[in-house]
Amino acid sequence: MLKILLPVDGSDNARKAVTDFIPLLNWYAEKPELHLLNVQYPLRGNVALFINQADIKQYHQEEGLKELQGTRALLDQAGVAYQYHIVVGDPAEMIVRFASEKQFNQIVMGPRGAGGIQGLLLGSVTSKVMQLASTPVLLIK
């Protein structure tokens, strides 16, 4: 079965990419296995010195679920099955690593995400994923 990774950062662009990808699922001979991935940035500074690891992990899970909420609602409404994952690290590096380790056949993402300053053509995370990934990347505009 074809496994597709959909990185989701909670942005309108990510939601639009998923919305536009849902009708394309009919193009596949059999329904692919969809996985949503949300990458949380690690906490900065000395926060880990003052807060225990369980609380930090819970914080990342809660923030990740918030960012996945809109996309999950879209897929639920469309009746599309999926799994979701939340990881912590550099977004581009974690997307590429996750896709490689879990042997995904394709990464599907929008050209831009929630980053502050967007690149002229592609967002920095998208651009970095395209450079680093050995997994094919499908951009949904």
N, C-alpha and C. Protein backbone atom coordinates (compact mmCIF):
# COMPACT_ATOMS: atom_id res chain seq x y z
N MET A 1 0.84 -1.17 0.00
CA MET A 1 0.00 0.00 0.00
C MET A 1 0.90 1.25 0.00
N LEU A 2 0.49 2.23 -0.77
CA LEU A 2 1.20 3.49 -0.86
C LEU A 2 1.05 4.27 0.44
N LYS A 3 2.17 4.75 0.98
CA LYS A 3 2.15 5.54 2.22
C LYS A 3 2.53 6.98 1.89
N ILE A 4 1.65 7.91 2.29
CA ILE A 4 1.85 9.33 2.00
C ILE A 4 1.95 10.11 3.30
N LEU A 5 2.97 10.97 3.38
CA LEU A 5 3.19 11.83 4.54
C LEU A 5 2.73 13.25 4.22
N LEU A 6 1.88 13.79 5.07
CA LEU A 6 1.38 15.15 4.92
C LEU A 6 1.85 15.99 6.11
N PRO A 7 2.93 16.76 5.96
CA PRO A 7 3.36 17.63 7.05
C PRO A 7 2.34 18.77 7.24
N VAL A 8 1.96 19.02 8.48
CA VAL A 8 0.94 20.02 8.78
C VAL A 8 1.43 20.91 9.91
N ASP A 9 1.41 22.23 9.68
CA ASP A 9 1.88 23.15 10.71
C ASP A 9 0.78 24.07 11.25
N GLY A 10 -0.46 23.80 10.89
CA GLY A 10 -1.56 24.61 11.39
C GLY A 10 -1.83 25.86 10.57
N SER A 11 -1.06 26.10 9.53
CA SER A 11 -1.23 27.31 8.72
C SER A 11 -2.36 27.13 7.71
N ASP A 12 -2.85 28.25 7.20
CA ASP A 12 -3.87 28.21 6.15
C ASP A 12 -3.32 27.53 4.90
N ASN A 13 -2.04 27.76 4.62
CA ASN A 13 -1.43 27.13 3.44
C ASN A 13 -1.40 25.61 3.56
N ALA A 14 -1.09 25.10 4.73
CA ALA A 14 -1.07 23.65 4.94
C ALA A 14 -2.49 23.08 4.81
N ARG A 15 -3.47 23.78 5.38
CA ARG A 15 -4.85 23.33 5.29
C ARG A 15 -5.32 23.33 3.83
N LYS A 16 -4.94 24.37 3.08
CA LYS A 16 -5.32 24.47 1.68
C LYS A 16 -4.70 23.32 0.88
N ALA A 17 -3.45 22.99 1.17
CA ALA A 17 -2.79 21.89 0.47
C ALA A 17 -3.55 20.58 0.71
N VAL A 18 -3.97 20.33 1.94
CA VAL A 18 -4.71 19.11 2.25
C VAL A 18 -6.09 19.15 1.59
N THR A 19 -6.75 20.30 1.64
CA THR A 19 -8.06 20.45 1.00
C THR A 19 -7.97 20.15 -0.49
N ASP A 20 -6.94 20.67 -1.14
CA ASP A 20 -6.77 20.45 -2.57
C ASP A 20 -6.28 19.04 -2.89
N PHE A 21 -5.65 18.37 -1.92
CA PHE A 21 -5.15 17.02 -2.14
C PHE A 21 -6.26 15.97 -2.01
N ILE A 22 -7.25 16.22 -1.18
CA ILE A 22 -8.32 15.24 -0.93
C ILE A 22 -8.95 14.74 -2.24
N PRO A 23 -9.34 15.62 -3.18
CA PRO A 23 -9.92 15.10 -4.43
C PRO A 23 -8.93 14.28 -5.26
N LEU A 24 -7.64 14.52 -5.10
CA LEU A 24 -6.63 13.79 -5.86
C LEU A 24 -6.48 12.35 -5.39
N LEU A 25 -7.02 12.03 -4.22
CA LEU A 25 -6.92 10.66 -3.70
C LEU A 25 -7.58 9.66 -4.66
N ASN A 26 -8.55 10.14 -5.44
CA ASN A 26 -9.22 9.27 -6.40
C ASN A 26 -8.31 8.90 -7.57
N TRP A 27 -7.20 9.57 -7.74
CA TRP A 27 -6.26 9.27 -8.81
C TRP A 27 -5.47 7.99 -8.54
N TYR A 28 -5.38 7.61 -7.28
CA TYR A 28 -4.60 6.44 -6.91
C TYR A 28 -5.43 5.17 -7.12
N ALA A 29 -4.78 4.11 -7.61
CA ALA A 29 -5.46 2.85 -7.89
C ALA A 29 -6.14 2.31 -6.62
N GLU A 30 -5.42 2.40 -5.50
CA GLU A 30 -6.02 2.04 -4.22
C GLU A 30 -5.76 3.18 -3.24
N LYS A 31 -6.66 3.32 -2.29
CA LYS A 31 -6.53 4.43 -1.33
C LYS A 31 -5.20 4.33 -0.60
N PRO A 32 -4.42 5.42 -0.63
CA PRO A 32 -3.14 5.39 0.08
C PRO A 32 -3.34 5.51 1.59
N GLU A 33 -2.34 5.10 2.31
CA GLU A 33 -2.32 5.25 3.77
C GLU A 33 -1.78 6.65 4.06
N LEU A 34 -2.59 7.50 4.69
CA LEU A 34 -2.20 8.88 4.96
C LEU A 34 -1.73 9.05 6.40
N HIS A 35 -0.64 9.82 6.54
CA HIS A 35 -0.11 10.14 7.86
C HIS A 35 0.13 11.64 7.93
N LEU A 36 -0.45 12.27 8.94
CA LEU A 36 -0.19 13.68 9.20
C LEU A 36 1.01 13.77 10.13
N LEU A 37 1.88 14.75 9.87
CA LEU A 37 3.04 14.96 10.74
C LEU A 37 3.09 16.42 11.15
N ASN A 38 3.11 16.66 12.45
CA ASN A 38 3.31 18.01 12.97
C ASN A 38 4.64 18.03 13.70
N VAL A 39 5.46 19.03 13.36
CA VAL A 39 6.77 19.16 13.99
C VAL A 39 6.75 20.40 14.88
N GLN A 40 7.03 20.18 16.15
CA GLN A 40 7.11 21.27 17.13
C GLN A 40 8.57 21.69 17.29
N TYR A 41 8.78 23.00 17.38
CA TYR A 41 10.13 23.48 17.64
C TYR A 41 10.50 23.18 19.08
N PRO A 42 11.75 22.81 19.34
CA PRO A 42 12.18 22.58 20.73
C PRO A 42 12.10 23.90 21.52
N LEU A 43 11.90 23.77 22.81
CA LEU A 43 11.87 24.97 23.66
C LEU A 43 13.26 25.58 23.70
N ARG A 44 13.32 26.89 23.74
CA ARG A 44 14.60 27.60 23.71
C ARG A 44 15.15 27.86 25.11
N GLY A 45 16.41 28.14 25.14
CA GLY A 45 17.05 28.55 26.38
C GLY A 45 17.14 27.46 27.42
N ASN A 46 17.03 27.88 28.66
CA ASN A 46 17.21 26.97 29.79
C ASN A 46 15.89 26.46 30.35
N VAL A 47 14.84 26.49 29.54
CA VAL A 47 13.52 26.08 30.02
C VAL A 47 13.56 24.66 30.61
N ALA A 48 14.30 23.77 29.97
CA ALA A 48 14.36 22.38 30.42
C ALA A 48 14.97 22.24 31.81
N LEU A 49 15.71 23.25 32.24
CA LEU A 49 16.28 23.21 33.59
C LEU A 49 15.22 23.43 34.66
N PHE A 50 14.13 24.09 34.31
CA PHE A 50 13.13 24.49 35.29
C PHE A 50 11.81 23.74 35.17
N ILE A 51 11.62 23.04 34.06
CA ILE A 51 10.37 22.31 33.83
C ILE A 51 10.73 20.86 33.55
N ASN A 52 9.99 19.94 34.16
CA ASN A 52 10.34 18.53 33.96
C ASN A 52 9.98 18.07 32.54
N GLN A 53 10.64 17.01 32.09
CA GLN A 53 10.50 16.53 30.72
C GLN A 53 9.07 16.07 30.39
N ALA A 54 8.37 15.52 31.36
CA ALA A 54 7.00 15.07 31.13
C ALA A 54 6.10 16.26 30.78
N ASP A 55 6.29 17.39 31.49
CA ASP A 55 5.50 18.59 31.21
C ASP A 55 5.84 19.18 29.85
N ILE A 56 7.11 19.13 29.48
CA ILE A 56 7.53 19.64 28.18
C ILE A 56 6.93 18.78 27.08
N LYS A 57 6.97 17.46 27.26
CA LYS A 57 6.40 16.55 26.27
C LYS A 57 4.90 16.78 26.14
N GLN A 58 4.21 16.97 27.26
CA GLN A 58 2.78 17.23 27.23
C GLN A 58 2.48 18.54 26.51
N TYR A 59 3.30 19.56 26.75
CA TYR A 59 3.13 20.86 26.09
C TYR A 59 3.23 20.68 24.56
N HIS A 60 4.27 19.97 24.10
CA HIS A 60 4.44 19.75 22.66
C HIS A 60 3.26 18.98 22.08
N GLN A 61 2.77 17.98 22.79
CA GLN A 61 1.62 17.21 22.31
C GLN A 61 0.38 18.10 22.19
N GLU A 62 0.13 18.93 23.20
CA GLU A 62 -1.04 19.81 23.17
C GLU A 62 -0.95 20.82 22.03
N GLU A 63 0.23 21.41 21.85
CA GLU A 63 0.42 22.38 20.76
C GLU A 63 0.29 21.69 19.41
N GLY A 64 0.84 20.51 19.28
CA GLY A 64 0.73 19.76 18.04
C GLY A 64 -0.71 19.42 17.70
N LEU A 65 -1.46 18.99 18.69
CA LEU A 65 -2.88 18.68 18.47
C LEU A 65 -3.66 19.91 18.04
N LYS A 66 -3.33 21.07 18.61
CA LYS A 66 -3.98 22.33 18.18
C LYS A 66 -3.70 22.60 16.71
N GLU A 67 -2.45 22.40 16.30
CA GLU A 67 -2.07 22.68 14.92
C GLU A 67 -2.64 21.66 13.94
N LEU A 68 -2.92 20.46 14.41
CA LEU A 68 -3.50 19.42 13.56
C LEU A 68 -5.03 19.49 13.49
N GLN A 69 -5.64 20.21 14.40
CA GLN A 69 -7.09 20.19 14.56
C GLN A 69 -7.85 20.50 13.27
N GLY A 70 -7.50 21.57 12.57
CA GLY A 70 -8.21 21.95 11.35
C GLY A 70 -8.09 20.91 10.25
N THR A 71 -6.89 20.39 10.08
CA THR A 71 -6.65 19.38 9.05
C THR A 71 -7.37 18.08 9.38
N ARG A 72 -7.33 17.70 10.63
CA ARG A 72 -8.03 16.48 11.04
C ARG A 72 -9.53 16.61 10.79
N ALA A 73 -10.08 17.79 11.06
CA ALA A 73 -11.51 18.02 10.82
C ALA A 73 -11.84 17.90 9.33
N LEU A 74 -10.97 18.44 8.47
CA LEU A 74 -11.18 18.32 7.02
C LEU A 74 -11.20 16.86 6.57
N LEU A 75 -10.23 16.10 7.03
CA LEU A 75 -10.15 14.69 6.64
C LEU A 75 -11.31 13.88 7.22
N ASP A 76 -11.68 14.17 8.46
CA ASP A 76 -12.82 13.49 9.07
C ASP A 76 -14.10 13.77 8.28
N GLN A 77 -14.29 15.04 7.92
CA GLN A 77 -15.49 15.44 7.17
C GLN A 77 -15.52 14.76 5.80
N ALA A 78 -14.36 14.57 5.18
CA ALA A 78 -14.28 13.93 3.86
C ALA A 78 -14.31 12.40 3.98
N GLY A 79 -14.28 11.87 5.19
CA GLY A 79 -14.30 10.43 5.39
C GLY A 79 -13.00 9.75 5.01
N VAL A 80 -11.89 10.48 5.14
CA VAL A 80 -10.58 9.96 4.79
C VAL A 80 -9.87 9.48 6.05
N ALA A 81 -9.42 8.22 6.02
CA ALA A 81 -8.71 7.66 7.17
C ALA A 81 -7.28 8.19 7.20
N TYR A 82 -6.74 8.37 8.40
CA TYR A 82 -5.38 8.89 8.56
C TYR A 82 -4.87 8.52 9.95
N GLN A 83 -3.56 8.67 10.10
CA GLN A 83 -2.92 8.60 11.40
C GLN A 83 -2.19 9.92 11.58
N TYR A 84 -1.93 10.30 12.83
CA TYR A 84 -1.18 11.53 13.03
C TYR A 84 -0.02 11.30 13.99
N HIS A 85 1.01 12.13 13.82
CA HIS A 85 2.22 12.03 14.61
C HIS A 85 2.68 13.44 14.96
N ILE A 86 3.26 13.57 16.15
CA ILE A 86 3.82 14.85 16.60
C ILE A 86 5.25 14.57 17.04
N VAL A 87 6.18 15.31 16.48
CA VAL A 87 7.59 15.16 16.82
C VAL A 87 8.17 16.54 17.13
N VAL A 88 9.35 16.55 17.71
CA VAL A 88 10.01 17.80 18.10
C VAL A 88 11.37 17.89 17.40
N GLY A 89 11.66 19.05 16.83
CA GLY A 89 12.96 19.26 16.18
C GLY A 89 12.85 20.30 15.08
N ASP A 90 13.87 20.35 14.23
CA ASP A 90 13.86 21.24 13.07
C ASP A 90 12.84 20.67 12.08
N PRO A 91 11.86 21.48 11.65
CA PRO A 91 10.79 20.95 10.80
C PRO A 91 11.27 20.21 9.55
N ALA A 92 12.10 20.82 8.75
CA ALA A 92 12.53 20.18 7.50
C ALA A 92 13.29 18.88 7.77
N GLU A 93 14.21 18.94 8.71
CA GLU A 93 15.00 17.75 9.02
C GLU A 93 14.14 16.62 9.57
N MET A 94 13.18 16.96 10.41
CA MET A 94 12.31 15.93 11.00
C MET A 94 11.37 15.33 9.95
N ILE A 95 10.88 16.16 9.02
CA ILE A 95 10.01 15.65 7.95
C ILE A 95 10.78 14.64 7.10
N VAL A 96 11.99 15.02 6.70
CA VAL A 96 12.81 14.14 5.87
C VAL A 96 13.18 12.86 6.63
N ARG A 97 13.59 13.00 7.87
CA ARG A 97 13.96 11.82 8.67
C ARG A 97 12.77 10.89 8.88
N PHE A 98 11.62 11.47 9.24
CA PHE A 98 10.42 10.67 9.48
C PHE A 98 10.02 9.92 8.21
N ALA A 99 10.05 10.61 7.06
CA ALA A 99 9.68 9.99 5.78
C ALA A 99 10.62 8.83 5.45
N SER A 100 11.90 9.03 5.73
CA SER A 100 12.89 8.00 5.43
C SER A 100 12.77 6.81 6.38
N GLU A 101 12.70 7.08 7.68
CA GLU A 101 12.65 6.01 8.68
C GLU A 101 11.39 5.16 8.55
N LYS A 102 10.27 5.80 8.24
CA LYS A 102 8.99 5.09 8.16
C LYS A 102 8.68 4.62 6.74
N GLN A 103 9.62 4.85 5.83
CA GLN A 103 9.54 4.39 4.45
C GLN A 103 8.28 4.85 3.72
N PHE A 104 8.07 6.17 3.73
CA PHE A 104 6.95 6.73 2.99
C PHE A 104 7.29 6.76 1.51
N ASN A 105 6.25 6.64 0.66
CA ASN A 105 6.44 6.66 -0.78
C ASN A 105 6.39 8.08 -1.34
N GLN A 106 5.77 8.99 -0.57
CA GLN A 106 5.60 10.36 -1.07
C GLN A 106 5.37 11.31 0.10
N ILE A 107 5.88 12.54 -0.06
CA ILE A 107 5.59 13.63 0.87
C ILE A 107 4.73 14.63 0.10
N VAL A 108 3.60 15.01 0.66
CA VAL A 108 2.71 15.97 0.01
C VAL A 108 2.61 17.19 0.92
N MET A 109 2.95 18.36 0.37
CA MET A 109 2.92 19.57 1.19
C MET A 109 2.66 20.79 0.33
N GLY A 110 2.29 21.87 1.00
CA GLY A 110 2.09 23.15 0.32
C GLY A 110 3.42 23.85 0.12
N PRO A 111 3.43 24.87 -0.74
CA PRO A 111 4.68 25.57 -1.02
C PRO A 111 5.15 26.46 0.13
N ARG A 112 4.25 26.80 1.03
CA ARG A 112 4.61 27.64 2.17
C ARG A 112 3.86 27.16 3.39
N GLY A 113 4.42 27.49 4.56
CA GLY A 113 3.77 27.11 5.81
C GLY A 113 3.54 28.31 6.69
N ALA A 114 3.74 28.12 7.98
CA ALA A 114 3.46 29.15 8.97
C ALA A 114 4.68 30.02 9.27
N GLY A 115 5.77 29.83 8.54
CA GLY A 115 6.99 30.60 8.80
C GLY A 115 6.74 32.10 8.68
N GLY A 116 7.54 32.88 9.40
CA GLY A 116 7.36 34.32 9.44
C GLY A 116 7.53 34.98 8.08
N ILE A 117 8.72 34.95 7.54
CA ILE A 117 8.98 35.57 6.24
C ILE A 117 9.01 34.48 5.21
N GLN A 118 8.12 34.57 4.22
CA GLN A 118 8.06 33.54 3.20
C GLN A 118 9.06 33.83 2.10
N GLY A 119 9.62 32.74 1.53
CA GLY A 119 10.54 32.90 0.42
C GLY A 119 9.81 33.43 -0.80
N LEU A 120 10.57 33.87 -1.79
CA LEU A 120 9.94 34.40 -2.99
C LEU A 120 9.11 33.35 -3.71
N LEU A 121 9.62 32.14 -3.84
CA LEU A 121 8.90 31.09 -4.55
C LEU A 121 8.42 30.00 -3.61
N LEU A 122 9.27 29.56 -2.72
CA LEU A 122 8.93 28.48 -1.79
C LEU A 122 9.28 28.89 -0.37
N GLY A 123 8.54 28.37 0.58
CA GLY A 123 8.88 28.60 1.97
C GLY A 123 10.19 27.89 2.29
N SER A 124 10.86 28.33 3.32
CA SER A 124 12.17 27.76 3.65
C SER A 124 12.10 26.29 4.03
N VAL A 125 11.06 25.87 4.76
CA VAL A 125 10.93 24.46 5.13
C VAL A 125 10.69 23.61 3.88
N THR A 126 9.79 24.05 3.02
CA THR A 126 9.51 23.31 1.79
C THR A 126 10.76 23.19 0.93
N SER A 127 11.46 24.28 0.79
CA SER A 127 12.68 24.28 -0.02
C SER A 127 13.71 23.31 0.55
N LYS A 128 13.88 23.33 1.88
CA LYS A 128 14.86 22.44 2.52
C LYS A 128 14.44 20.98 2.39
N VAL A 129 13.14 20.70 2.54
CA VAL A 129 12.66 19.32 2.39
C VAL A 129 12.95 18.83 0.98
N MET A 130 12.69 19.66 -0.01
CA MET A 130 12.93 19.26 -1.41
C MET A 130 14.41 18.99 -1.66
N GLN A 131 15.28 19.73 -0.99
CA GLN A 131 16.72 19.53 -1.16
C GLN A 131 17.22 18.27 -0.47
N LEU A 132 16.68 17.98 0.72
CA LEU A 132 17.20 16.89 1.54
C LEU A 132 16.53 15.53 1.31
N ALA A 133 15.28 15.53 0.87
CA ALA A 133 14.51 14.30 0.82
C ALA A 133 14.89 13.40 -0.35
N SER A 134 15.00 12.11 -0.05
CA SER A 134 15.14 11.13 -1.11
C SER A 134 13.76 10.62 -1.51
N THR A 135 12.77 10.90 -0.67
CA THR A 135 11.38 10.57 -0.94
C THR A 135 10.81 11.62 -1.90
N PRO A 136 10.04 11.21 -2.93
CA PRO A 136 9.44 12.21 -3.83
C PRO A 136 8.53 13.18 -3.07
N VAL A 137 8.59 14.45 -3.46
CA VAL A 137 7.80 15.50 -2.82
C VAL A 137 6.82 16.06 -3.85
N LEU A 138 5.54 16.04 -3.51
CA LEU A 138 4.50 16.61 -4.35
C LEU A 138 4.05 17.91 -3.70
N LEU A 139 4.21 19.04 -4.43
CA LEU A 139 3.77 20.32 -3.92
C LEU A 139 2.35 20.60 -4.42
N ILE A 140 1.47 20.95 -3.51
CA ILE A 140 0.10 21.30 -3.84
C ILE A 140 -0.03 22.80 -3.66
N LYS A 141 -0.25 23.48 -4.76
CA LYS A 141 -0.31 24.95 -4.73
C LYS A 141 -1.67 25.46 -4.36
